[in-house]
PDB file of all heavy atoms in Angstrom:
ATOM      1  N   SER A   1       0.843  -1.165  -0.003  1.00  0.00           N
ATOM      2  CA  SER A   1      -0.020   0.010   0.061  1.00  0.00           C
ATOM      3  C   SER A   1       0.848   1.313  -0.022  1.00  0.00           C
ATOM      4  O   SER A   1       0.353   2.354   0.217  1.00  0.00           O
ATOM      5  CB  SER A   1      -0.941  -0.019   1.296  1.00  0.00           C
ATOM      6  OG  SER A   1      -0.118  -0.123   2.403  1.00  0.00           O
ATOM      7  N   ALA A   2       2.127   1.129  -0.247  1.00  0.00           N
ATOM      8  CA  ALA A   2       3.040   2.276  -0.289  1.00  0.00           C
ATOM      9  C   ALA A   2       2.622   3.316  -1.322  1.00  0.00           C
ATOM     10  O   ALA A   2       2.189   2.905  -2.347  1.00  0.00           O
ATOM     11  CB  ALA A   2       4.441   1.858  -0.570  1.00  0.00           C
ATOM     12  N   THR A   3       2.702   4.619  -0.980  1.00  0.00           N
ATOM     13  CA  THR A   3       2.146   5.618  -1.844  1.00  0.00           C
ATOM     14  C   THR A   3       3.394   6.110  -2.802  1.00  0.00           C
ATOM     15  O   THR A   3       3.152   6.876  -3.661  1.00  0.00           O
ATOM     16  CB  THR A   3       1.584   6.745  -1.179  1.00  0.00           C
ATOM     17  OG1 THR A   3       2.518   7.243  -0.246  1.00  0.00           O
ATOM     18  CG2 THR A   3       0.289   6.309  -0.468  1.00  0.00           C
ATOM     19  N   GLU A   4       4.628   5.716  -2.445  1.00  0.00           N
ATOM     20  CA  GLU A   4       5.881   6.055  -3.325  1.00  0.00           C
ATOM     21  C   GLU A   4       6.500   4.810  -3.724  1.00  0.00           C
ATOM     22  O   GLU A   4       6.395   3.843  -2.997  1.00  0.00           O
ATOM     23  CB  GLU A   4       6.785   7.038  -2.446  1.00  0.00           C
ATOM     24  CG  GLU A   4       6.154   8.302  -2.031  1.00  0.00           C
ATOM     25  CD  GLU A   4       5.976   9.291  -3.178  1.00  0.00           C
ATOM     26  OE1 GLU A   4       6.737   9.178  -4.237  1.00  0.00           O
ATOM     27  OE2 GLU A   4       5.091  10.129  -3.143  1.00  0.00           O
ATOM     28  N   PRO A   5       7.281   4.826  -4.784  1.00  0.00           N
ATOM     29  CA  PRO A   5       8.009   3.542  -5.157  1.00  0.00           C
ATOM     30  C   PRO A   5       8.946   3.061  -4.038  1.00  0.00           C
ATOM     31  O   PRO A   5       9.593   3.888  -3.409  1.00  0.00           O
ATOM     32  CB  PRO A   5       8.829   4.026  -6.346  1.00  0.00           C
ATOM     33  CG  PRO A   5       8.072   5.147  -6.938  1.00  0.00           C
ATOM     34  CD  PRO A   5       7.498   5.905  -5.718  1.00  0.00           C
ATOM     35  N   ILE A   6       8.997   1.775  -3.819  1.00  0.00           N
ATOM     36  CA  ILE A   6       9.809   1.205  -2.820  1.00  0.00           C
ATOM     37  C   ILE A   6      11.052   0.548  -3.461  1.00  0.00           C
ATOM     38  O   ILE A   6      11.997   0.177  -2.771  1.00  0.00           O
ATOM     39  CB  ILE A   6       9.069   0.212  -1.919  1.00  0.00           C
ATOM     40  CG1 ILE A   6       8.529  -0.982  -2.703  1.00  0.00           C
ATOM     41  CG2 ILE A   6       8.071   0.829  -1.071  1.00  0.00           C
ATOM     42  CD1 ILE A   6       7.845  -2.040  -1.934  1.00  0.00           C
ATOM     43  N   LEU A   7      11.029   0.374  -4.801  1.00  0.00           N
ATOM     44  CA  LEU A   7      12.069  -0.187  -5.542  1.00  0.00           C
ATOM     45  C   LEU A   7      12.448   0.766  -6.659  1.00  0.00           C
ATOM     46  O   LEU A   7      11.557   1.290  -7.380  1.00  0.00           O
ATOM     47  CB  LEU A   7      11.832  -1.500  -6.081  1.00  0.00           C
ATOM     48  CG  LEU A   7      11.766  -2.748  -5.135  1.00  0.00           C
ATOM     49  CD1 LEU A   7      11.313  -3.996  -5.963  1.00  0.00           C
ATOM     50  CD2 LEU A   7      13.091  -2.995  -4.555  1.00  0.00           C
ATOM     51  N   ASP A   8      13.754   1.109  -6.882  1.00  0.00           N
ATOM     52  CA  ASP A   8      14.138   1.921  -8.007  1.00  0.00           C
ATOM     53  C   ASP A   8      15.559   1.412  -8.534  1.00  0.00           C
ATOM     54  O   ASP A   8      16.119   0.441  -8.019  1.00  0.00           O
ATOM     55  CB  ASP A   8      14.224   3.326  -7.593  1.00  0.00           C
ATOM     56  CG  ASP A   8      15.145   3.681  -6.443  1.00  0.00           C
ATOM     57  OD1 ASP A   8      16.026   2.820  -6.164  1.00  0.00           O
ATOM     58  OD2 ASP A   8      14.965   4.724  -5.757  1.00  0.00           O
ATOM     59  N   ARG A   9      16.008   2.150  -9.526  1.00  0.00           N
ATOM     60  CA  ARG A   9      17.251   1.630 -10.213  1.00  0.00           C
ATOM     61  C   ARG A   9      18.463   1.645  -9.155  1.00  0.00           C
ATOM     62  O   ARG A   9      19.196   0.661  -9.167  1.00  0.00           O
ATOM     63  CB  ARG A   9      17.565   2.577 -11.272  1.00  0.00           C
ATOM     64  CG  ARG A   9      18.832   2.375 -11.908  1.00  0.00           C
ATOM     65  CD  ARG A   9      19.186   3.309 -13.143  1.00  0.00           C
ATOM     66  NE  ARG A   9      20.541   3.010 -13.646  1.00  0.00           N
ATOM     67  CZ  ARG A   9      20.988   3.293 -14.791  1.00  0.00           C
ATOM     68  NH1 ARG A   9      20.216   3.910 -15.636  1.00  0.00           N
ATOM     69  NH2 ARG A   9      22.337   3.037 -15.107  1.00  0.00           N
ATOM     70  N   ALA A  10      18.552   2.661  -8.402  1.00  0.00           N
ATOM     71  CA  ALA A  10      19.715   2.815  -7.446  1.00  0.00           C
ATOM     72  C   ALA A  10      19.717   1.676  -6.448  1.00  0.00           C
ATOM     73  O   ALA A  10      20.728   0.979  -6.196  1.00  0.00           O
ATOM     74  CB  ALA A  10      19.615   4.137  -6.738  1.00  0.00           C
ATOM     75  N   LYS A  11      18.583   1.297  -5.971  1.00  0.00           N
ATOM     76  CA  LYS A  11      18.558   0.207  -4.939  1.00  0.00           C
ATOM     77  C   LYS A  11      18.882  -1.128  -5.589  1.00  0.00           C
ATOM     78  O   LYS A  11      19.589  -1.919  -4.991  1.00  0.00           O
ATOM     79  CB  LYS A  11      17.170   0.149  -4.295  1.00  0.00           C
ATOM     80  CG  LYS A  11      16.809   1.165  -3.310  1.00  0.00           C
ATOM     81  CD  LYS A  11      15.427   1.015  -2.630  1.00  0.00           C
ATOM     82  CE  LYS A  11      15.150   2.142  -1.645  1.00  0.00           C
ATOM     83  NZ  LYS A  11      13.718   2.018  -1.234  1.00  0.00           N
ATOM     84  N   LEU A  12      18.312  -1.350  -6.782  1.00  0.00           N
ATOM     85  CA  LEU A  12      18.624  -2.643  -7.459  1.00  0.00           C
ATOM     86  C   LEU A  12      20.066  -2.734  -7.938  1.00  0.00           C
ATOM     87  O   LEU A  12      20.742  -3.830  -7.833  1.00  0.00           O
ATOM     88  CB  LEU A  12      17.755  -2.773  -8.663  1.00  0.00           C
ATOM     89  CG  LEU A  12      16.188  -3.015  -8.320  1.00  0.00           C
ATOM     90  CD1 LEU A  12      15.392  -2.974  -9.621  1.00  0.00           C
ATOM     91  CD2 LEU A  12      16.020  -4.355  -7.640  1.00  0.00           C
ATOM     92  N   GLU A  13      20.667  -1.521  -8.327  1.00  0.00           N
ATOM     93  CA  GLU A  13      22.084  -1.638  -8.708  1.00  0.00           C
ATOM     94  C   GLU A  13      22.922  -2.017  -7.503  1.00  0.00           C
ATOM     95  O   GLU A  13      24.005  -2.727  -7.711  1.00  0.00           O
ATOM     96  CB  GLU A  13      22.474  -0.289  -9.306  1.00  0.00           C
ATOM     97  CG  GLU A  13      22.195  -0.129 -10.794  1.00  0.00           C
ATOM     98  CD  GLU A  13      22.644   1.235 -11.339  1.00  0.00           C
ATOM     99  OE1 GLU A  13      22.577   2.172 -10.728  1.00  0.00           O
ATOM    100  OE2 GLU A  13      23.017   1.146 -12.518  1.00  0.00           O
ATOM    101  N   MET A  14      22.557  -1.481  -6.361  1.00  0.00           N
ATOM    102  CA  MET A  14      23.350  -1.813  -5.134  1.00  0.00           C
ATOM    103  C   MET A  14      23.251  -3.268  -4.724  1.00  0.00           C
ATOM    104  O   MET A  14      24.171  -3.894  -4.249  1.00  0.00           O
ATOM    105  CB  MET A  14      22.982  -0.877  -4.038  1.00  0.00           C
ATOM    106  CG  MET A  14      23.520   0.538  -4.157  1.00  0.00           C
ATOM    107  SD  MET A  14      22.912   1.626  -2.751  1.00  0.00           S
ATOM    108  CE  MET A  14      23.628   0.755  -1.418  1.00  0.00           C
ATOM    109  N   ALA A  15      21.975  -3.845  -4.904  1.00  0.00           N
ATOM    110  CA  ALA A  15      21.721  -5.099  -4.290  1.00  0.00           C
ATOM    111  C   ALA A  15      22.119  -6.256  -5.273  1.00  0.00           C
ATOM    112  O   ALA A  15      22.449  -7.365  -4.849  1.00  0.00           O
ATOM    113  CB  ALA A  15      20.271  -5.235  -4.039  1.00  0.00           C
ATOM    114  N   LEU A  16      22.049  -6.127  -6.617  1.00  0.00           N
ATOM    115  CA  LEU A  16      22.252  -7.096  -7.580  1.00  0.00           C
ATOM    116  C   LEU A  16      23.672  -7.116  -8.121  1.00  0.00           C
ATOM    117  O   LEU A  16      24.332  -6.035  -8.181  1.00  0.00           O
ATOM    118  CB  LEU A  16      21.290  -6.992  -8.774  1.00  0.00           C
ATOM    119  CG  LEU A  16      19.741  -7.034  -8.418  1.00  0.00           C
ATOM    120  CD1 LEU A  16      18.963  -6.799  -9.659  1.00  0.00           C
ATOM    121  CD2 LEU A  16      19.407  -8.334  -7.710  1.00  0.00           C
ATOM    122  N   GLU A  17      24.104  -8.342  -8.520  1.00  0.00           N
ATOM    123  CA  GLU A  17      25.513  -8.392  -9.143  1.00  0.00           C
ATOM    124  C   GLU A  17      25.313  -7.735 -10.503  1.00  0.00           C
ATOM    125  O   GLU A  17      24.200  -7.776 -11.167  1.00  0.00           O
ATOM    126  CB  GLU A  17      25.824  -9.946  -9.303  1.00  0.00           C
ATOM    127  CG  GLU A  17      26.073 -10.607  -8.000  1.00  0.00           C
ATOM    128  CD  GLU A  17      27.381 -10.135  -7.354  1.00  0.00           C
ATOM    129  OE1 GLU A  17      28.357  -9.592  -7.983  1.00  0.00           O
ATOM    130  OE2 GLU A  17      27.355 -10.082  -6.081  1.00  0.00           O
ATOM    131  N   PRO A  18      26.428  -7.306 -11.080  1.00  0.00           N
ATOM    132  CA  PRO A  18      26.368  -6.725 -12.486  1.00  0.00           C
ATOM    133  C   PRO A  18      25.815  -7.756 -13.442  1.00  0.00           C
ATOM    134  O   PRO A  18      26.259  -8.951 -13.528  1.00  0.00           O
ATOM    135  CB  PRO A  18      27.801  -6.277 -12.850  1.00  0.00           C
ATOM    136  CG  PRO A  18      28.430  -6.225 -11.511  1.00  0.00           C
ATOM    137  CD  PRO A  18      27.731  -7.153 -10.519  1.00  0.00           C
ATOM    138  N   GLY A  19      24.732  -7.436 -14.168  1.00  0.00           N
ATOM    139  CA  GLY A  19      24.234  -8.358 -15.206  1.00  0.00           C
ATOM    140  C   GLY A  19      23.200  -9.368 -14.697  1.00  0.00           C
ATOM    141  O   GLY A  19      22.699 -10.177 -15.366  1.00  0.00           O
ATOM    142  N   GLN A  20      23.051  -9.369 -13.320  1.00  0.00           N
ATOM    143  CA  GLN A  20      22.210 -10.432 -12.730  1.00  0.00           C
ATOM    144  C   GLN A  20      20.678 -10.201 -13.151  1.00  0.00           C
ATOM    145  O   GLN A  20      20.104  -9.094 -12.992  1.00  0.00           O
ATOM    146  CB  GLN A  20      22.233 -10.329 -11.162  1.00  0.00           C
ATOM    147  CG  GLN A  20      21.344 -11.364 -10.432  1.00  0.00           C
ATOM    148  CD  GLN A  20      21.457 -11.249  -9.029  1.00  0.00           C
ATOM    149  OE1 GLN A  20      22.364 -10.644  -8.418  1.00  0.00           O
ATOM    150  NE2 GLN A  20      20.437 -11.757  -8.255  1.00  0.00           N
ATOM    151  N   PRO A  21      20.072 -11.166 -13.802  1.00  0.00           N
ATOM    152  CA  PRO A  21      18.644 -10.939 -14.331  1.00  0.00           C
ATOM    153  C   PRO A  21      17.620 -10.909 -13.195  1.00  0.00           C
ATOM    154  O   PRO A  21      17.808 -11.620 -12.175  1.00  0.00           O
ATOM    155  CB  PRO A  21      18.446 -12.058 -15.249  1.00  0.00           C
ATOM    156  CG  PRO A  21      19.256 -13.138 -14.742  1.00  0.00           C
ATOM    157  CD  PRO A  21      20.523 -12.512 -14.078  1.00  0.00           C
ATOM    158  N   LEU A  22      16.565 -10.155 -13.398  1.00  0.00           N
ATOM    159  CA  LEU A  22      15.416 -10.067 -12.495  1.00  0.00           C
ATOM    160  C   LEU A  22      14.178  -9.670 -13.133  1.00  0.00           C
ATOM    161  O   LEU A  22      14.201  -8.817 -14.018  1.00  0.00           O
ATOM    162  CB  LEU A  22      15.794  -9.165 -11.273  1.00  0.00           C
ATOM    163  CG  LEU A  22      14.693  -9.001 -10.180  1.00  0.00           C
ATOM    164  CD1 LEU A  22      14.628 -10.296  -9.347  1.00  0.00           C
ATOM    165  CD2 LEU A  22      15.052  -7.794  -9.318  1.00  0.00           C
ATOM    166  N   MET A  23      13.074 -10.354 -12.813  1.00  0.00           N
ATOM    167  CA  MET A  23      11.797  -9.954 -13.300  1.00  0.00           C
ATOM    168  C   MET A  23      10.945  -9.347 -12.303  1.00  0.00           C
ATOM    169  O   MET A  23      10.813  -9.945 -11.105  1.00  0.00           O
ATOM    170  CB  MET A  23      11.017 -11.123 -13.863  1.00  0.00           C
ATOM    171  CG  MET A  23      11.363 -11.313 -15.331  1.00  0.00           C
ATOM    172  SD  MET A  23      10.150 -12.537 -15.992  1.00  0.00           S
ATOM    173  CE  MET A  23      11.218 -13.209 -17.274  1.00  0.00           C
ATOM    174  N   LEU A  24      10.284  -8.186 -12.501  1.00  0.00           N
ATOM    175  CA  LEU A  24       9.513  -7.486 -11.580  1.00  0.00           C
ATOM    176  C   LEU A  24       8.091  -7.354 -12.070  1.00  0.00           C
ATOM    177  O   LEU A  24       7.830  -6.896 -13.171  1.00  0.00           O
ATOM    178  CB  LEU A  24      10.020  -6.067 -11.174  1.00  0.00           C
ATOM    179  CG  LEU A  24      11.421  -5.943 -10.641  1.00  0.00           C
ATOM    180  CD1 LEU A  24      12.007  -4.526 -10.835  1.00  0.00           C
ATOM    181  CD2 LEU A  24      11.465  -6.327  -9.187  1.00  0.00           C
ATOM    182  N   PHE A  25       7.069  -7.820 -11.281  1.00  0.00           N
ATOM    183  CA  PHE A  25       5.704  -7.600 -11.592  1.00  0.00           C
ATOM    184  C   PHE A  25       5.023  -6.720 -10.532  1.00  0.00           C
ATOM    185  O   PHE A  25       4.868  -7.192  -9.417  1.00  0.00           O
ATOM    186  CB  PHE A  25       5.035  -9.011 -11.708  1.00  0.00           C
ATOM    187  CG  PHE A  25       5.551  -9.848 -12.763  1.00  0.00           C
ATOM    188  CD1 PHE A  25       6.629 -10.690 -12.552  1.00  0.00           C
ATOM    189  CD2 PHE A  25       4.961  -9.948 -14.062  1.00  0.00           C
ATOM    190  CE1 PHE A  25       7.225 -11.455 -13.469  1.00  0.00           C
ATOM    191  CE2 PHE A  25       5.511 -10.705 -15.014  1.00  0.00           C
ATOM    192  CZ  PHE A  25       6.629 -11.500 -14.745  1.00  0.00           C
ATOM    193  N   ASP A  26       4.732  -5.568 -10.986  1.00  0.00           N
ATOM    194  CA  ASP A  26       4.227  -4.533 -10.072  1.00  0.00           C
ATOM    195  C   ASP A  26       2.714  -4.429 -10.252  1.00  0.00           C
ATOM    196  O   ASP A  26       2.245  -3.893 -11.312  1.00  0.00           O
ATOM    197  CB  ASP A  26       4.931  -3.244 -10.254  1.00  0.00           C
ATOM    198  CG  ASP A  26       4.460  -2.155  -9.279  1.00  0.00           C
ATOM    199  OD1 ASP A  26       3.640  -2.378  -8.307  1.00  0.00           O
ATOM    200  OD2 ASP A  26       4.853  -0.941  -9.510  1.00  0.00           O
ATOM    201  N   ILE A  27       1.978  -4.934  -9.308  1.00  0.00           N
ATOM    202  CA  ILE A  27       0.521  -4.898  -9.452  1.00  0.00           C
ATOM    203  C   ILE A  27      -0.130  -3.818  -8.573  1.00  0.00           C
ATOM    204  O   ILE A  27      -1.332  -3.849  -8.228  1.00  0.00           O
ATOM    205  CB  ILE A  27      -0.210  -6.235  -9.353  1.00  0.00           C
ATOM    206  CG1 ILE A  27       0.043  -6.891  -7.913  1.00  0.00           C
ATOM    207  CG2 ILE A  27       0.162  -7.228 -10.433  1.00  0.00           C
ATOM    208  CD1 ILE A  27      -0.747  -8.103  -7.724  1.00  0.00           C
ATOM    209  N   SER A  28       0.573  -2.868  -8.092  1.00  0.00           N
ATOM    210  CA  SER A  28       0.136  -1.856  -7.196  1.00  0.00           C
ATOM    211  C   SER A  28      -0.113  -0.556  -7.972  1.00  0.00           C
ATOM    212  O   SER A  28       0.553  -0.221  -8.903  1.00  0.00           O
ATOM    213  CB  SER A  28       1.210  -1.511  -6.160  1.00  0.00           C
ATOM    214  OG  SER A  28       1.486  -2.728  -5.405  1.00  0.00           O
ATOM    215  N   VAL A  29      -1.103   0.181  -7.486  1.00  0.00           N
ATOM    216  CA  VAL A  29      -1.380   1.581  -7.853  1.00  0.00           C
ATOM    217  C   VAL A  29      -1.680   2.341  -6.574  1.00  0.00           C
ATOM    218  O   VAL A  29      -2.595   2.019  -5.955  1.00  0.00           O
ATOM    219  CB  VAL A  29      -2.536   1.638  -8.819  1.00  0.00           C
ATOM    220  CG1 VAL A  29      -2.779   3.108  -9.229  1.00  0.00           C
ATOM    221  CG2 VAL A  29      -2.277   0.891 -10.117  1.00  0.00           C
ATOM    222  N   PRO A  30      -0.823   3.330  -6.337  1.00  0.00           N
ATOM    223  CA  PRO A  30       0.313   3.924  -6.960  1.00  0.00           C
ATOM    224  C   PRO A  30       1.430   2.755  -7.099  1.00  0.00           C
ATOM    225  O   PRO A  30       1.481   1.813  -6.278  1.00  0.00           O
ATOM    226  CB  PRO A  30       0.861   4.997  -6.049  1.00  0.00           C
ATOM    227  CG  PRO A  30      -0.308   5.400  -5.242  1.00  0.00           C
ATOM    228  CD  PRO A  30      -1.087   4.134  -5.078  1.00  0.00           C
ATOM    229  N   ARG A  31       2.277   2.904  -8.103  1.00  0.00           N
ATOM    230  CA  ARG A  31       3.248   1.894  -8.369  1.00  0.00           C
ATOM    231  C   ARG A  31       4.298   1.727  -7.325  1.00  0.00           C
ATOM    232  O   ARG A  31       4.752   2.749  -6.669  1.00  0.00           O
ATOM    233  CB  ARG A  31       4.054   2.211  -9.721  1.00  0.00           C
ATOM    234  CG  ARG A  31       3.201   2.038 -10.967  1.00  0.00           C
ATOM    235  CD  ARG A  31       3.853   2.615 -12.224  1.00  0.00           C
ATOM    236  NE  ARG A  31       4.016   3.975 -12.190  1.00  0.00           N
ATOM    237  CZ  ARG A  31       4.465   4.690 -13.153  1.00  0.00           C
ATOM    238  NH1 ARG A  31       5.042   4.029 -14.279  1.00  0.00           N
ATOM    239  NH2 ARG A  31       4.598   6.024 -13.134  1.00  0.00           N
ATOM    240  N   ASN A  32       4.745   0.475  -7.030  1.00  0.00           N
ATOM    241  CA  ASN A  32       5.785   0.225  -6.053  1.00  0.00           C
ATOM    242  C   ASN A  32       7.150   0.304  -6.699  1.00  0.00           C
ATOM    243  O   ASN A  32       8.169   0.357  -6.051  1.00  0.00           O
ATOM    244  CB  ASN A  32       5.599  -1.185  -5.507  1.00  0.00           C
ATOM    245  CG  ASN A  32       4.429  -1.254  -4.479  1.00  0.00           C
ATOM    246  OD1 ASN A  32       4.076  -2.334  -4.069  1.00  0.00           O
ATOM    247  ND2 ASN A  32       3.791  -0.195  -4.145  1.00  0.00           N
ATOM    248  N   VAL A  33       7.239   0.129  -8.078  1.00  0.00           N
ATOM    249  CA  VAL A  33       8.480  -0.008  -8.769  1.00  0.00           C
ATOM    250  C   VAL A  33       8.608   1.317  -9.616  1.00  0.00           C
ATOM    251  O   VAL A  33       7.795   1.562 -10.474  1.00  0.00           O
ATOM    252  CB  VAL A  33       8.556  -1.222  -9.644  1.00  0.00           C
ATOM    253  CG1 VAL A  33       9.891  -1.341 -10.384  1.00  0.00           C
ATOM    254  CG2 VAL A  33       8.407  -2.429  -8.651  1.00  0.00           C
ATOM    255  N   HIS A  34       9.760   1.949  -9.450  1.00  0.00           N
ATOM    256  CA  HIS A  34       9.998   3.195 -10.200  1.00  0.00           C
ATOM    257  C   HIS A  34      10.318   2.928 -11.719  1.00  0.00           C
ATOM    258  O   HIS A  34      10.925   1.814 -12.007  1.00  0.00           O
ATOM    259  CB  HIS A  34      11.231   3.960  -9.609  1.00  0.00           C
ATOM    260  CG  HIS A  34      11.290   5.410 -10.005  1.00  0.00           C
ATOM    261  ND1 HIS A  34      11.691   5.772 -11.264  1.00  0.00           N
ATOM    262  CD2 HIS A  34      11.035   6.511  -9.325  1.00  0.00           C
ATOM    263  CE1 HIS A  34      11.605   7.070 -11.444  1.00  0.00           C
ATOM    264  NE2 HIS A  34      11.238   7.524 -10.246  1.00  0.00           N
ATOM    265  N   ALA A  35       9.806   3.758 -12.550  1.00  0.00           N
ATOM    266  CA  ALA A  35      10.031   3.541 -14.003  1.00  0.00           C
ATOM    267  C   ALA A  35      11.468   3.485 -14.428  1.00  0.00           C
ATOM    268  O   ALA A  35      11.845   2.821 -15.365  1.00  0.00           O
ATOM    269  CB  ALA A  35       9.304   4.568 -14.751  1.00  0.00           C
ATOM    270  N   ASP A  36      12.380   4.049 -13.561  1.00  0.00           N
ATOM    271  CA  ASP A  36      13.735   4.070 -13.953  1.00  0.00           C
ATOM    272  C   ASP A  36      14.523   2.680 -13.935  1.00  0.00           C
ATOM    273  O   ASP A  36      15.596   2.507 -14.418  1.00  0.00           O
ATOM    274  CB  ASP A  36      14.622   5.112 -13.137  1.00  0.00           C
ATOM    275  CG  ASP A  36      14.748   4.749 -11.677  1.00  0.00           C
ATOM    276  OD1 ASP A  36      14.317   3.669 -11.265  1.00  0.00           O
ATOM    277  OD2 ASP A  36      15.268   5.606 -10.890  1.00  0.00           O
ATOM    278  N   VAL A  37      13.781   1.613 -13.386  1.00  0.00           N
ATOM    279  CA  VAL A  37      14.409   0.306 -13.348  1.00  0.00           C
ATOM    280  C   VAL A  37      14.510  -0.191 -14.789  1.00  0.00           C
ATOM    281  O   VAL A  37      15.349  -1.080 -15.061  1.00  0.00           O
ATOM    282  CB  VAL A  37      13.613  -0.687 -12.474  1.00  0.00           C
ATOM    283  CG1 VAL A  37      13.546  -0.191 -11.045  1.00  0.00           C
ATOM    284  CG2 VAL A  37      12.260  -0.968 -13.023  1.00  0.00           C
ATOM    285  N   ASN A  38      13.638   0.318 -15.675  1.00  0.00           N
ATOM    286  CA  ASN A  38      13.812  -0.163 -17.103  1.00  0.00           C
ATOM    287  C   ASN A  38      14.994   0.212 -17.731  1.00  0.00           C
ATOM    288  O   ASN A  38      15.302  -0.317 -18.797  1.00  0.00           O
ATOM    289  CB  ASN A  38      12.511   0.406 -17.841  1.00  0.00           C
ATOM    290  CG  ASN A  38      11.200  -0.183 -17.374  1.00  0.00           C
ATOM    291  OD1 ASN A  38      10.973  -1.366 -17.396  1.00  0.00           O
ATOM    292  ND2 ASN A  38      10.298   0.584 -16.890  1.00  0.00           N
ATOM    293  N   GLU A  39      15.728   1.117 -17.170  1.00  0.00           N
ATOM    294  CA  GLU A  39      16.980   1.555 -17.758  1.00  0.00           C
ATOM    295  C   GLU A  39      18.096   0.425 -17.611  1.00  0.00           C
ATOM    296  O   GLU A  39      19.167   0.504 -18.294  1.00  0.00           O
ATOM    297  CB  GLU A  39      17.511   2.890 -17.134  1.00  0.00           C
ATOM    298  CG  GLU A  39      16.602   4.103 -17.403  1.00  0.00           C
ATOM    299  CD  GLU A  39      16.802   5.199 -16.503  1.00  0.00           C
ATOM    300  OE1 GLU A  39      17.834   5.221 -15.711  1.00  0.00           O
ATOM    301  OE2 GLU A  39      16.022   6.099 -16.448  1.00  0.00           O
ATOM    302  N   LEU A  40      17.816  -0.524 -16.702  1.00  0.00           N
ATOM    303  CA  LEU A  40      18.849  -1.576 -16.476  1.00  0.00           C
ATOM    304  C   LEU A  40      18.488  -2.699 -17.456  1.00  0.00           C
ATOM    305  O   LEU A  40      17.336  -3.190 -17.458  1.00  0.00           O
ATOM    306  CB  LEU A  40      18.719  -2.107 -15.028  1.00  0.00           C
ATOM    307  CG  LEU A  40      19.063  -1.061 -13.944  1.00  0.00           C
ATOM    308  CD1 LEU A  40      18.682  -1.546 -12.545  1.00  0.00           C
ATOM    309  CD2 LEU A  40      20.522  -0.712 -14.007  1.00  0.00           C
ATOM    310  N   GLU A  41      19.480  -3.124 -18.247  1.00  0.00           N
ATOM    311  CA  GLU A  41      19.268  -4.017 -19.364  1.00  0.00           C
ATOM    312  C   GLU A  41      18.800  -5.385 -18.879  1.00  0.00           C
ATOM    313  O   GLU A  41      17.999  -6.094 -19.498  1.00  0.00           O
ATOM    314  CB  GLU A  41      20.478  -4.189 -20.129  1.00  0.00           C
ATOM    315  CG  GLU A  41      20.761  -3.022 -21.105  1.00  0.00           C
ATOM    316  CD  GLU A  41      21.976  -3.225 -21.971  1.00  0.00           C
ATOM    317  OE1 GLU A  41      22.386  -4.383 -22.130  1.00  0.00           O
ATOM    318  OE2 GLU A  41      22.641  -2.293 -22.382  1.00  0.00           O
ATOM    319  N   HIS A  42      19.312  -5.810 -17.668  1.00  0.00           N
ATOM    320  CA  HIS A  42      19.017  -7.190 -17.194  1.00  0.00           C
ATOM    321  C   HIS A  42      17.745  -7.231 -16.307  1.00  0.00           C
ATOM    322  O   HIS A  42      17.369  -8.345 -15.921  1.00  0.00           O
ATOM    323  CB  HIS A  42      20.199  -7.793 -16.393  1.00  0.00           C
ATOM    324  CG  HIS A  42      20.739  -6.690 -15.314  1.00  0.00           C
ATOM    325  ND1 HIS A  42      21.322  -5.572 -15.642  1.00  0.00           N
ATOM    326  CD2 HIS A  42      20.537  -6.662 -14.052  1.00  0.00           C
ATOM    327  CE1 HIS A  42      21.623  -4.905 -14.602  1.00  0.00           C
ATOM    328  NE2 HIS A  42      21.236  -5.563 -13.594  1.00  0.00           N
TER     329      HIS A  42
END
């Protein structure tokens, strides 16, 4: 029920290994996942 994104590019870059693949399915409105995660190729 968060009203602001709880996951974004910066957090994922810190947590994941370079190139580590991940799939995110965000079914919340307002969104839980920031649009900038799409900038990460993996």
